[in-house]
Amino acid sequence: MSDVERHNRPAPPATFGTGSGDEDYGRLGERRTRHMRIIAWVTIASLILIGGGSTVLSLLFG
């Protein structure tokens, strides 16, 4: 088979998510979801605190 024929050959189909590797990544999704929720709540709380703090300072110092 020449280099041109080898290059133009279609790629084999991807087999993601099949086989015995699924058990290895099962808990990774749970940890990632929990991590994203923590980041989201920390971001929300910091935005509320910063917004509230700037409001109080603007009221005090007009």
PDB file of N, CA and C in Angstrom:
ATOM      1  N   MET A   1       0.860  -1.175   0.000  1.00  0.00           N
ATOM      2  CA  MET A   1       0.000   0.000   0.000  1.00  0.00           C
ATOM      3  C   MET A   1       0.902   1.232   0.000  1.00  0.00           C
ATOM      4  N   SER A   2       0.631   2.145  -0.883  1.00  0.00           N
ATOM      5  CA  SER A   2       1.459   3.340  -0.981  1.00  0.00           C
ATOM      6  C   SER A   2       1.074   4.346   0.106  1.00  0.00           C
ATOM      7  N   ASP A   3       1.912   5.359   0.259  1.00  0.00           N
ATOM      8  CA  ASP A   3       1.638   6.388   1.262  1.00  0.00           C
ATOM      9  C   ASP A   3       0.350   7.150   0.954  1.00  0.00           C
ATOM     10  N   VAL A   4       0.072   7.379  -0.314  1.00  0.00           N
ATOM     11  CA  VAL A   4      -1.140   8.106  -0.697  1.00  0.00           C
ATOM     12  C   VAL A   4      -2.379   7.287  -0.351  1.00  0.00           C
ATOM     13  N   GLU A   5      -2.350   5.999  -0.635  1.00  0.00           N
ATOM     14  CA  GLU A   5      -3.490   5.143  -0.311  1.00  0.00           C
ATOM     15  C   GLU A   5      -3.690   5.050   1.192  1.00  0.00           C
ATOM     16  N   ARG A   6      -2.614   4.951   1.931  1.00  0.00           N
ATOM     17  CA  ARG A   6      -2.707   4.862   3.383  1.00  0.00           C
ATOM     18  C   ARG A   6      -3.258   6.165   3.967  1.00  0.00           C
ATOM     19  N   HIS A   7      -2.879   7.286   3.391  1.00  0.00           N
ATOM     20  CA  HIS A   7      -3.335   8.588   3.889  1.00  0.00           C
ATOM     21  C   HIS A   7      -4.818   8.824   3.590  1.00  0.00           C
ATOM     22  N   ASN A   8      -5.304   8.349   2.464  1.00  0.00           N
ATOM     23  CA  ASN A   8      -6.689   8.583   2.061  1.00  0.00           C
ATOM     24  C   ASN A   8      -7.663   7.558   2.634  1.00  0.00           C
ATOM     25  N   ARG A   9      -7.172   6.597   3.366  1.00  0.00           N
ATOM     26  CA  ARG A   9      -8.025   5.560   3.948  1.00  0.00           C
ATOM     27  C   ARG A   9      -8.819   6.165   5.105  1.00  0.00           C
ATOM     28  N   PRO A  10     -10.119   5.850   5.234  1.00  0.00           N
ATOM     29  CA  PRO A  10     -10.901   6.404   6.343  1.00  0.00           C
ATOM     30  C   PRO A  10     -10.424   5.862   7.683  1.00  0.00           C
ATOM     31  N   ALA A  11     -10.593   6.668   8.702  1.00  0.00           N
ATOM     32  CA  ALA A  11     -10.170   6.274  10.041  1.00  0.00           C
ATOM     33  C   ALA A  11     -11.125   5.226  10.592  1.00  0.00           C
ATOM     34  N   PRO A  12     -10.643   4.342  11.445  1.00  0.00           N
ATOM     35  CA  PRO A  12     -11.538   3.348  12.057  1.00  0.00           C
ATOM     36  C   PRO A  12     -12.530   4.052  12.975  1.00  0.00           C
ATOM     37  N   PRO A  13     -13.702   3.456  13.173  1.00  0.00           N
ATOM     38  CA  PRO A  13     -14.701   4.106  14.026  1.00  0.00           C
ATOM     39  C   PRO A  13     -14.217   4.202  15.471  1.00  0.00           C
ATOM     40  N   ALA A  14     -14.591   5.285  16.120  1.00  0.00           N
ATOM     41  CA  ALA A  14     -14.195   5.487  17.512  1.00  0.00           C
ATOM     42  C   ALA A  14     -15.020   4.572  18.406  1.00  0.00           C
ATOM     43  N   THR A  15     -14.394   4.056  19.444  1.00  0.00           N
ATOM     44  CA  THR A  15     -15.081   3.145  20.354  1.00  0.00           C
ATOM     45  C   THR A  15     -15.080   3.704  21.756  1.00  0.00           C
ATOM     46  N   PHE A  16     -15.343   4.997  21.901  1.00  0.00           N
ATOM     47  CA  PHE A  16     -15.366   5.601  23.222  1.00  0.00           C
ATOM     48  C   PHE A  16     -16.586   5.114  23.989  1.00  0.00           C
ATOM     49  N   GLY A  17     -16.397   4.872  25.280  1.00  0.00           N
ATOM     50  CA  GLY A  17     -17.524   4.491  26.130  1.00  0.00           C
ATOM     51  C   GLY A  17     -17.882   3.019  26.066  1.00  0.00           C
ATOM     52  N   THR A  18     -17.083   2.202  25.439  1.00  0.00           N
ATOM     53  CA  THR A  18     -17.368   0.777  25.402  1.00  0.00           C
ATOM     54  C   THR A  18     -16.235   0.031  26.056  1.00  0.00           C
ATOM     55  N   GLY A  19     -16.523  -1.151  26.497  1.00  0.00           N
ATOM     56  CA  GLY A  19     -15.486  -1.979  27.089  1.00  0.00           C
ATOM     57  C   GLY A  19     -15.467  -1.874  28.598  1.00  0.00           C
ATOM     58  N   SER A  20     -14.425  -2.392  29.208  1.00  0.00           N
ATOM     59  CA  SER A  20     -14.351  -2.460  30.662  1.00  0.00           C
ATOM     60  C   SER A  20     -13.851  -1.166  31.289  1.00  0.00           C
ATOM     61  N   GLY A  21     -13.495  -0.167  30.497  1.00  0.00           N
ATOM     62  CA  GLY A  21     -12.988   1.086  31.038  1.00  0.00           C
ATOM     63  C   GLY A  21     -14.060   1.953  31.667  1.00  0.00           C
ATOM     64  N   ASP A  22     -15.329   1.624  31.475  1.00  0.00           N
ATOM     65  CA  ASP A  22     -16.406   2.446  32.021  1.00  0.00           C
ATOM     66  C   ASP A  22     -16.387   2.491  33.542  1.00  0.00           C
ATOM     67  N   GLU A  23     -16.048   1.376  34.185  1.00  0.00           N
ATOM     68  CA  GLU A  23     -16.047   1.354  35.643  1.00  0.00           C
ATOM     69  C   GLU A  23     -14.993   2.295  36.216  1.00  0.00           C
ATOM     70  N   ASP A  24     -13.898   2.475  35.492  1.00  0.00           N
ATOM     71  CA  ASP A  24     -12.817   3.313  35.981  1.00  0.00           C
ATOM     72  C   ASP A  24     -13.213   4.782  36.045  1.00  0.00           C
ATOM     73  N   TYR A  25     -14.075   5.228  35.145  1.00  0.00           N
ATOM     74  CA  TYR A  25     -14.442   6.631  35.066  1.00  0.00           C
ATOM     75  C   TYR A  25     -15.819   6.919  35.659  1.00  0.00           C
ATOM     76  N   GLY A  26     -16.459   5.957  36.275  1.00  0.00           N
ATOM     77  CA  GLY A  26     -17.796   6.159  36.815  1.00  0.00           C
ATOM     78  C   GLY A  26     -17.836   7.202  37.911  1.00  0.00           C
ATOM     79  N   ARG A  27     -16.897   7.155  38.826  1.00  0.00           N
ATOM     80  CA  ARG A  27     -16.885   8.099  39.942  1.00  0.00           C
ATOM     81  C   ARG A  27     -16.315   9.450  39.544  1.00  0.00           C
ATOM     82  N   LEU A  28     -15.596   9.505  38.435  1.00  0.00           N
ATOM     83  CA  LEU A  28     -15.018  10.764  37.987  1.00  0.00           C
ATOM     84  C   LEU A  28     -16.116  11.775  37.663  1.00  0.00           C
ATOM     85  N   GLY A  29     -17.211  11.323  37.079  1.00  0.00           N
ATOM     86  CA  GLY A  29     -18.332  12.202  36.773  1.00  0.00           C
ATOM     87  C   GLY A  29     -18.960  12.773  38.028  1.00  0.00           C
ATOM     88  N   GLU A  30     -19.092  11.950  39.068  1.00  0.00           N
ATOM     89  CA  GLU A  30     -19.657  12.414  40.340  1.00  0.00           C
ATOM     90  C   GLU A  30     -18.752  13.465  40.980  1.00  0.00           C
ATOM     91  N   ARG A  31     -17.464  13.212  40.988  1.00  0.00           N
ATOM     92  CA  ARG A  31     -16.527  14.163  41.583  1.00  0.00           C
ATOM     93  C   ARG A  31     -16.515  15.467  40.809  1.00  0.00           C
ATOM     94  N   ARG A  32     -16.586  15.369  39.491  1.00  0.00           N
ATOM     95  CA  ARG A  32     -16.573  16.577  38.671  1.00  0.00           C
ATOM     96  C   ARG A  32     -17.836  17.401  38.904  1.00  0.00           C
ATOM     97  N   THR A  33     -18.979  16.731  38.998  1.00  0.00           N
ATOM     98  CA  THR A  33     -20.229  17.438  39.263  1.00  0.00           C
ATOM     99  C   THR A  33     -20.187  18.134  40.619  1.00  0.00           C
ATOM    100  N   ARG A  34     -19.700  17.427  41.632  1.00  0.00           N
ATOM    101  CA  ARG A  34     -19.603  18.023  42.970  1.00  0.00           C
ATOM    102  C   ARG A  34     -18.641  19.214  42.954  1.00  0.00           C
ATOM    103  N   HIS A  35     -17.534  19.085  42.262  1.00  0.00           N
ATOM    104  CA  HIS A  35     -16.550  20.165  42.171  1.00  0.00           C
ATOM    105  C   HIS A  35     -17.148  21.383  41.469  1.00  0.00           C
ATOM    106  N   MET A  36     -17.887  21.158  40.399  1.00  0.00           N
ATOM    107  CA  MET A  36     -18.508  22.274  39.677  1.00  0.00           C
ATOM    108  C   MET A  36     -19.559  22.970  40.531  1.00  0.00           C
ATOM    109  N   ARG A  37     -20.308  22.208  41.316  1.00  0.00           N
ATOM    110  CA  ARG A  37     -21.310  22.821  42.201  1.00  0.00           C
ATOM    111  C   ARG A  37     -20.642  23.683  43.271  1.00  0.00           C
ATOM    112  N   ILE A  38     -19.542  23.196  43.823  1.00  0.00           N
ATOM    113  CA  ILE A  38     -18.824  23.969  44.840  1.00  0.00           C
ATOM    114  C   ILE A  38     -18.321  25.278  44.240  1.00  0.00           C
ATOM    115  N   ILE A  39     -17.731  25.201  43.062  1.00  0.00           N
ATOM    116  CA  ILE A  39     -17.228  26.411  42.407  1.00  0.00           C
ATOM    117  C   ILE A  39     -18.363  27.382  42.115  1.00  0.00           C
ATOM    118  N   ALA A  40     -19.496  26.853  41.675  1.00  0.00           N
ATOM    119  CA  ALA A  40     -20.639  27.727  41.366  1.00  0.00           C
ATOM    120  C   ALA A  40     -21.141  28.437  42.615  1.00  0.00           C
ATOM    121  N   TRP A  41     -21.287  27.723  43.723  1.00  0.00           N
ATOM    122  CA  TRP A  41     -21.793  28.352  44.951  1.00  0.00           C
ATOM    123  C   TRP A  41     -20.799  29.358  45.525  1.00  0.00           C
ATOM    124  N   VAL A  42     -19.515  29.061  45.452  1.00  0.00           N
ATOM    125  CA  VAL A  42     -18.504  30.019  45.923  1.00  0.00           C
ATOM    126  C   VAL A  42     -18.546  31.280  45.075  1.00  0.00           C
ATOM    127  N   THR A  43     -18.706  31.124  43.771  1.00  0.00           N
ATOM    128  CA  THR A  43     -18.792  32.278  42.880  1.00  0.00           C
ATOM    129  C   THR A  43     -20.024  33.119  43.189  1.00  0.00           C
ATOM    130  N   ILE A  44     -21.159  32.462  43.381  1.00  0.00           N
ATOM    131  CA  ILE A  44     -22.393  33.185  43.705  1.00  0.00           C
ATOM    132  C   ILE A  44     -22.257  33.927  45.023  1.00  0.00           C
ATOM    133  N   ALA A  45     -21.718  33.256  46.039  1.00  0.00           N
ATOM    134  CA  ALA A  45     -21.560  33.897  47.353  1.00  0.00           C
ATOM    135  C   ALA A  45     -20.609  35.085  47.277  1.00  0.00           C
ATOM    136  N   SER A  46     -19.512  34.946  46.540  1.00  0.00           N
ATOM    137  CA  SER A  46     -18.564  36.063  46.445  1.00  0.00           C
ATOM    138  C   SER A  46     -19.178  37.241  45.702  1.00  0.00           C
ATOM    139  N   LEU A  47     -19.970  36.972  44.668  1.00  0.00           N
ATOM    140  CA  LEU A  47     -20.624  38.065  43.954  1.00  0.00           C
ATOM    141  C   LEU A  47     -21.621  38.795  44.851  1.00  0.00           C
ATOM    142  N   ILE A  48     -22.340  38.040  45.678  1.00  0.00           N
ATOM    143  CA  ILE A  48     -23.290  38.668  46.598  1.00  0.00           C
ATOM    144  C   ILE A  48     -22.552  39.513  47.632  1.00  0.00           C
ATOM    145  N   LEU A  49     -21.471  38.961  48.187  1.00  0.00           N
ATOM    146  CA  LEU A  49     -20.716  39.699  49.203  1.00  0.00           C
ATOM    147  C   LEU A  49     -20.073  40.950  48.620  1.00  0.00           C
ATOM    148  N   ILE A  50     -19.508  40.840  47.450  1.00  0.00           N
ATOM    149  CA  ILE A  50     -18.867  42.001  46.823  1.00  0.00           C
ATOM    150  C   ILE A  50     -19.911  43.049  46.464  1.00  0.00           C
ATOM    151  N   GLY A  51     -21.021  42.609  45.915  1.00  0.00           N
ATOM    152  CA  GLY A  51     -22.090  43.546  45.568  1.00  0.00           C
ATOM    153  C   GLY A  51     -22.666  44.234  46.789  1.00  0.00           C
ATOM    154  N   GLY A  52     -22.889  43.467  47.848  1.00  0.00           N
ATOM    155  CA  GLY A  52     -23.404  44.045  49.084  1.00  0.00           C
ATOM    156  C   GLY A  52     -22.405  44.987  49.727  1.00  0.00           C
ATOM    157  N   GLY A  53     -21.132  44.623  49.693  1.00  0.00           N
ATOM    158  CA  GLY A  53     -20.098  45.480  50.276  1.00  0.00           C
ATOM    159  C   GLY A  53     -19.963  46.791  49.529  1.00  0.00           C
ATOM    160  N   SER A  54     -20.044  46.733  48.218  1.00  0.00           N
ATOM    161  CA  SER A  54     -19.936  47.979  47.453  1.00  0.00           C
ATOM    162  C   SER A  54     -21.158  48.858  47.662  1.00  0.00           C
ATOM    163  N   THR A  55     -22.310  48.246  47.867  1.00  0.00           N
ATOM    164  CA  THR A  55     -23.522  49.031  48.146  1.00  0.00           C
ATOM    165  C   THR A  55     -23.406  49.740  49.488  1.00  0.00           C
ATOM    166  N   VAL A  56     -22.926  49.036  50.502  1.00  0.00           N
ATOM    167  CA  VAL A  56     -22.766  49.644  51.827  1.00  0.00           C
ATOM    168  C   VAL A  56     -21.745  50.778  51.764  1.00  0.00           C
ATOM    169  N   LEU A  57     -20.637  50.587  51.092  1.00  0.00           N
ATOM    170  CA  LEU A  57     -19.636  51.637  50.986  1.00  0.00           C
ATOM    171  C   LEU A  57     -20.161  52.847  50.236  1.00  0.00           C
ATOM    172  N   SER A  58     -20.938  52.620  49.201  1.00  0.00           N
ATOM    173  CA  SER A  58     -21.489  53.761  48.467  1.00  0.00           C
ATOM    174  C   SER A  58     -22.524  54.508  49.296  1.00  0.00           C
ATOM    175  N   LEU A  59     -23.260  53.807  50.132  1.00  0.00           N
ATOM    176  CA  LEU A  59     -24.215  54.493  51.029  1.00  0.00           C
ATOM    177  C   LEU A  59     -23.492  55.292  52.117  1.00  0.00           C
ATOM    178  N   LEU A  60     -22.397  54.728  52.646  1.00  0.00           N
ATOM    179  CA  LEU A  60     -21.666  55.407  53.707  1.00  0.00           C
ATOM    180  C   LEU A  60     -20.920  56.633  53.201  1.00  0.00           C
ATOM    181  N   PHE A  61     -20.263  56.480  52.065  1.00  0.00           N
ATOM    182  CA  PHE A  61     -19.410  57.556  51.570  1.00  0.00           C
ATOM    183  C   PHE A  61     -20.042  58.373  50.457  1.00  0.00           C
ATOM    184  N   GLY A  62     -21.300  58.044  50.130  1.00  0.00           N
ATOM    185  CA  GLY A  62     -22.115  58.784  49.203  1.00  0.00           C
ATOM    186  C   GLY A  62     -21.479  59.158  47.939  1.00  0.00           C
TER     187      GLY A  62
END
